[in-house]
N, C-alpha and C. Protein backbone atom coordinates (compact mmCIF):
# COMPACT_ATOMS: atom_id res chain seq x y z
N MET A 1 116.05 118.98 84.16
CA MET A 1 114.50 119.69 84.11
C MET A 1 114.90 120.41 82.34
N ALA A 2 113.50 120.52 82.06
CA ALA A 2 113.48 120.56 80.49
C ALA A 2 112.40 121.38 80.22
N LEU A 3 112.43 122.36 79.64
CA LEU A 3 111.05 122.61 79.07
C LEU A 3 110.81 122.09 77.40
N ILE A 4 109.80 121.69 76.89
CA ILE A 4 108.96 120.39 75.89
C ILE A 4 108.08 120.98 75.47
N ASN A 5 107.96 120.99 74.24
CA ASN A 5 106.51 122.45 74.01
C ASN A 5 105.38 121.14 73.81
N ILE A 6 104.57 120.83 74.63
CA ILE A 6 103.48 120.76 75.02
C ILE A 6 102.72 119.62 73.19
N ASP A 7 102.98 119.99 72.24
CA ASP A 7 102.53 119.04 71.00
C ASP A 7 103.40 118.36 70.86
N THR A 8 104.80 118.21 71.41
CA THR A 8 104.88 116.89 71.19
C THR A 8 105.45 116.79 72.62
N VAL A 9 104.70 116.44 74.54
CA VAL A 9 105.24 115.57 75.49
C VAL A 9 104.45 114.30 75.44
N ILE A 10 104.15 113.73 74.94
CA ILE A 10 104.09 112.19 75.21
C ILE A 10 104.63 111.93 74.48
N GLN A 11 105.14 111.98 73.12
CA GLN A 11 106.37 111.50 72.73
C GLN A 11 107.77 111.29 73.59
N GLU A 12 107.58 112.33 73.42
CA GLU A 12 108.92 112.53 74.39
C GLU A 12 108.45 111.49 75.79
N THR A 13 107.78 112.18 76.07
CA THR A 13 107.24 111.64 77.95
C THR A 13 107.89 109.20 77.88
N ARG A 14 107.18 108.63 76.43
CA ARG A 14 107.40 107.38 76.44
C ARG A 14 108.86 106.88 75.63
N ARG A 15 109.16 108.57 75.28
CA ARG A 15 110.76 108.02 75.21
C ARG A 15 111.20 107.91 75.86
N TYR A 16 111.78 108.69 77.13
CA TYR A 16 111.87 108.87 78.69
C TYR A 16 112.22 107.29 79.52
N LEU A 17 110.51 107.47 79.72
CA LEU A 17 109.78 105.63 80.32
C LEU A 17 110.98 105.04 79.83
N LYS A 18 110.73 104.45 78.86
CA LYS A 18 111.56 103.58 78.06
C LYS A 18 113.09 103.28 78.55
N LYS A 19 113.68 104.32 79.02
CA LYS A 19 114.54 104.20 79.35
C LYS A 19 114.70 104.06 80.53
N ILE A 20 113.84 104.67 81.40
CA ILE A 20 113.87 104.28 83.22
C ILE A 20 113.50 103.22 83.99
N ILE A 21 114.07 102.98 84.40
CA ILE A 21 114.61 101.51 85.84
C ILE A 21 112.90 102.04 86.41
N ALA A 22 112.27 101.36 87.06
CA ALA A 22 111.58 100.89 87.93
C ALA A 22 112.12 101.12 88.99
N PRO A 23 111.91 101.61 90.36
CA PRO A 23 110.27 102.67 90.77
C PRO A 23 110.47 103.95 89.97
N GLY A 24 111.49 104.51 88.76
CA GLY A 24 112.05 105.90 88.49
C GLY A 24 110.28 106.26 88.06
N GLY A 25 110.51 107.68 87.65
CA GLY A 25 109.65 107.74 86.64
C GLY A 25 109.79 109.73 86.38
N ILE A 26 108.90 109.88 85.55
CA ILE A 26 108.78 111.31 85.16
C ILE A 26 108.11 112.63 85.82
N GLU A 27 107.93 113.63 85.85
CA GLU A 27 106.75 113.93 86.41
C GLU A 27 106.66 116.11 85.76
N LEU A 28 105.14 115.33 84.91
CA LEU A 28 105.19 116.84 84.46
C LEU A 28 104.91 117.83 84.78
N LEU A 29 105.34 119.11 84.67
CA LEU A 29 104.89 120.34 85.54
C LEU A 29 104.45 121.69 85.01
N SER A 30 104.11 122.21 85.84
CA SER A 30 103.30 123.31 84.60
C SER A 30 104.35 125.27 85.34
N TYR A 31 104.81 125.61 84.23
CA TYR A 31 105.55 126.61 84.03
C TYR A 31 105.49 127.26 85.50
N LYS A 32 103.93 127.10 85.89
CA LYS A 32 104.36 128.49 88.09
C LYS A 32 104.17 127.07 88.29
N ARG A 33 104.56 125.74 87.79
CA ARG A 33 105.49 124.27 88.88
C ARG A 33 103.65 124.40 90.24
N ASN A 34 102.77 125.03 89.95
CA ASN A 34 102.02 124.73 90.63
C ASN A 34 101.45 123.08 90.02
N ARG A 35 101.13 122.98 89.37
CA ARG A 35 100.24 121.80 88.81
C ARG A 35 101.10 120.91 88.45
N SER A 36 100.56 119.25 88.14
CA SER A 36 102.13 117.82 88.39
C SER A 36 101.19 116.71 87.72
N ILE A 37 101.81 116.30 86.64
CA ILE A 37 101.91 114.98 87.09
C ILE A 37 102.74 114.30 86.83
N ALA A 38 102.49 113.45 87.94
CA ALA A 38 103.86 112.14 88.14
C ALA A 38 103.57 111.13 87.81
N ILE A 39 104.35 110.52 86.62
CA ILE A 39 104.17 109.10 85.61
C ILE A 39 104.86 108.34 86.38
N ILE A 40 105.07 107.35 87.06
CA ILE A 40 105.96 106.74 88.47
C ILE A 40 106.23 105.01 87.58
N LYS A 41 107.17 104.16 86.77
CA LYS A 41 106.79 103.35 86.28
C LYS A 41 107.20 101.83 87.30
N GLU A 42 105.90 101.49 87.24
CA GLU A 42 106.18 100.12 88.28
C GLU A 42 106.70 98.67 87.64
N ASN A 43 106.83 98.62 86.04
CA ASN A 43 107.06 97.30 86.17
C ASN A 43 107.52 97.60 84.15
N SER A 44 107.75 97.25 83.08
CA SER A 44 107.53 97.26 82.20
C SER A 44 106.10 97.88 81.18
N ASP A 45 105.25 97.33 81.94
CA ASP A 45 103.64 96.91 81.35
C ASP A 45 103.11 98.48 82.19
N MET A 46 103.30 98.34 83.84
CA MET A 46 102.24 99.56 84.11
C MET A 46 103.01 100.48 84.44
N TYR A 47 102.09 101.28 85.24
CA TYR A 47 102.91 102.83 84.51
C TYR A 47 101.49 103.03 86.16
N HIS A 48 101.75 104.36 87.48
CA HIS A 48 101.21 104.59 87.74
C HIS A 48 101.00 106.09 87.83
N ILE A 49 99.93 106.60 88.08
CA ILE A 49 99.55 108.18 87.44
C ILE A 49 99.48 109.05 88.38
N ARG A 50 99.87 109.27 89.04
CA ARG A 50 99.69 111.17 90.05
C ARG A 50 99.23 112.22 89.43
N GLU A 51 97.95 112.80 89.67
CA GLU A 51 97.20 113.72 88.95
C GLU A 51 97.20 114.35 90.04
N ASN A 52 98.14 116.24 90.34
CA ASN A 52 98.07 117.44 91.13
C ASN A 52 97.79 118.49 90.06
N GLY A 53 96.40 119.49 91.01
CA GLY A 53 96.18 120.33 90.29
C GLY A 53 94.84 120.69 90.52
N TYR A 54 94.26 121.08 89.06
CA TYR A 54 92.57 121.26 89.50
C TYR A 54 92.07 119.30 90.20
N GLU A 55 92.57 118.30 89.47
CA GLU A 55 91.89 117.79 90.13
C GLU A 55 93.21 117.02 91.14
N THR A 56 93.30 116.28 91.93
CA THR A 56 93.95 115.25 92.88
C THR A 56 93.43 113.49 92.27
N GLU A 57 94.05 112.82 91.82
CA GLU A 57 94.16 111.25 91.31
C GLU A 57 95.07 110.34 91.43
N GLU A 58 95.15 109.43 91.88
CA GLU A 58 96.00 108.60 91.37
C GLU A 58 95.75 107.11 90.48
N VAL A 59 95.87 107.06 89.28
CA VAL A 59 95.50 106.15 88.71
C VAL A 59 96.50 105.35 88.41
N LEU A 60 96.69 103.67 88.07
CA LEU A 60 97.06 102.29 88.17
C LEU A 60 97.11 102.45 86.47
N VAL A 61 97.62 102.65 85.56
CA VAL A 61 97.50 102.22 84.31
C VAL A 61 98.34 101.21 82.94
N SER A 62 98.34 100.72 82.31
CA SER A 62 98.72 99.83 81.60
C SER A 62 99.48 100.12 80.56
N ALA A 63 100.58 99.82 80.16
CA ALA A 63 101.28 100.71 78.74
C ALA A 63 100.51 100.86 77.35
N THR A 64 99.39 100.22 77.23
CA THR A 64 98.39 100.60 75.68
C THR A 64 97.36 102.02 76.53
N GLN A 65 96.69 101.79 77.34
CA GLN A 65 96.29 102.96 77.94
C GLN A 65 96.84 103.93 78.47
N LEU A 66 98.55 104.12 78.44
CA LEU A 66 98.93 105.28 78.64
C LEU A 66 98.79 106.71 78.15
N ASN A 67 99.27 106.27 76.40
CA ASN A 67 98.46 107.54 75.61
C ASN A 67 97.45 108.22 75.99
N ARG A 68 96.44 107.59 76.22
CA ARG A 68 94.84 108.61 75.71
C ARG A 68 94.84 109.23 77.33
N GLU A 69 95.05 107.93 78.98
CA GLU A 69 95.91 108.92 79.57
C GLU A 69 96.06 110.06 80.18
N LEU A 70 97.39 109.55 79.10
CA LEU A 70 97.79 111.32 79.02
C LEU A 70 97.12 112.38 78.64
N LYS A 71 97.16 111.93 77.98
CA LYS A 71 95.82 112.97 76.50
C LYS A 71 95.10 113.83 77.76
N THR A 72 94.31 113.08 78.02
CA THR A 72 93.46 113.75 78.69
C THR A 72 93.73 114.33 79.85
N ARG A 73 95.00 113.47 80.50
CA ARG A 73 95.61 114.63 81.72
C ARG A 73 95.53 115.99 81.33
N ILE A 74 96.70 115.95 81.00
CA ILE A 74 97.37 116.97 79.66
C ILE A 74 96.54 118.37 79.18
N GLY A 75 95.26 117.49 78.64
CA GLY A 75 94.76 118.65 78.09
C GLY A 75 93.74 119.39 79.70
N ARG A 76 93.29 118.50 80.92
CA ARG A 76 93.09 119.16 81.93
C ARG A 76 93.75 120.36 83.21
N GLU A 77 95.31 119.76 83.14
CA GLU A 77 95.93 120.28 84.12
C GLU A 77 96.16 121.58 82.78
N PHE A 78 96.66 121.32 82.09
CA PHE A 78 97.96 122.38 81.53
C PHE A 78 97.23 122.91 80.36
N PRO A 79 95.78 123.42 80.06
CA PRO A 79 94.89 123.73 79.19
C PRO A 79 95.46 125.05 78.70
N ARG A 80 95.72 125.59 79.02
CA ARG A 80 96.67 126.57 77.76
C ARG A 80 97.82 127.03 77.63
N SER A 81 98.57 125.36 78.07
CA SER A 81 100.15 125.71 78.14
C SER A 81 100.71 125.49 77.31
N ARG A 82 102.26 126.26 76.71
CA ARG A 82 102.29 125.65 75.32
C ARG A 82 103.64 124.67 75.67
N LYS A 83 104.00 125.26 77.01
CA LYS A 83 105.16 124.54 77.70
C LYS A 83 105.21 124.01 78.75
N VAL A 84 105.56 122.71 79.14
CA VAL A 84 105.72 121.78 80.40
C VAL A 84 107.39 121.68 80.63
N ARG A 85 107.05 121.90 82.04
CA ARG A 85 108.30 121.03 82.68
C ARG A 85 108.70 120.03 82.70
N LEU A 86 109.51 119.01 82.19
CA LEU A 86 109.55 117.54 82.16
C LEU A 86 110.99 117.36 83.48
N ILE A 87 110.26 117.13 84.10
CA ILE A 87 111.76 116.55 85.55
C ILE A 87 111.61 114.71 85.06
N LYS A 88 113.00 113.68 84.67
CA LYS A 88 113.20 112.87 85.78
C LYS A 88 113.26 111.84 87.10
N PHE A 89 113.61 111.09 87.63
CA PHE A 89 113.14 110.90 88.76
C PHE A 89 113.59 110.03 89.48
N GLN A 90 114.44 108.88 90.32
CA GLN A 90 114.75 107.94 90.45
C GLN A 90 113.80 106.83 91.78
N ASP A 91 113.40 107.70 91.96
CA ASP A 91 112.83 107.89 93.39
C ASP A 91 111.32 108.32 93.84
N PRO A 92 110.56 108.22 93.93
CA PRO A 92 109.08 108.89 93.95
C PRO A 92 109.46 109.47 95.20
N VAL A 93 110.05 109.49 95.87
CA VAL A 93 110.22 110.16 97.19
C VAL A 93 110.15 111.13 96.73
N LYS A 94 111.20 111.61 95.98
CA LYS A 94 111.33 113.38 95.54
C LYS A 94 109.66 114.29 95.23
N LEU A 95 109.11 113.29 94.84
CA LEU A 95 107.94 114.21 93.96
C LEU A 95 107.50 114.87 95.30
N GLU A 96 107.81 114.22 96.89
CA GLU A 96 106.94 114.64 98.04
C GLU A 96 107.59 116.45 97.92
N ARG A 97 109.09 116.62 97.64
CA ARG A 97 109.59 117.88 97.93
C ARG A 97 108.71 119.37 97.78
N SER A 98 109.00 120.54 98.54
CA SER A 98 108.69 121.13 97.41
C SER A 98 109.46 121.90 97.04
N ARG A 99 108.25 122.61 95.94
CA ARG A 99 108.97 123.06 95.10
C ARG A 99 108.82 124.94 95.01
N GLN A 100 109.54 125.94 94.71
CA GLN A 100 109.12 127.46 94.30
C GLN A 100 108.67 127.52 93.23
N LYS A 101 107.20 128.05 93.56
CA LYS A 101 105.90 128.29 93.07
C LYS A 101 106.86 129.64 91.91
N ILE A 102 105.80 130.10 90.78
CA ILE A 102 106.96 131.45 90.04
C ILE A 102 105.48 131.94 89.88
């Protein structure tokens, strides 16, 4: 788990997603861990985005739409954050576990 600056989170997310094998992905969490955005790699071109916080939504996007969708969702879920938590996972089942809230 790493704390990433909000200004570089999209670039870091794209960099990590290139290395991850499907069906793995990345979860972005607020500092308090009460809001999250999960990006699950379906294949090299498609990503599944799960948003859980102010809004609860699931969307399937292509690699070309990923930057725009992430920018919109990061602005909505982390409006005043300067840092977000970035967690890599290999299996989407790990998203269902409960986390300690700060």
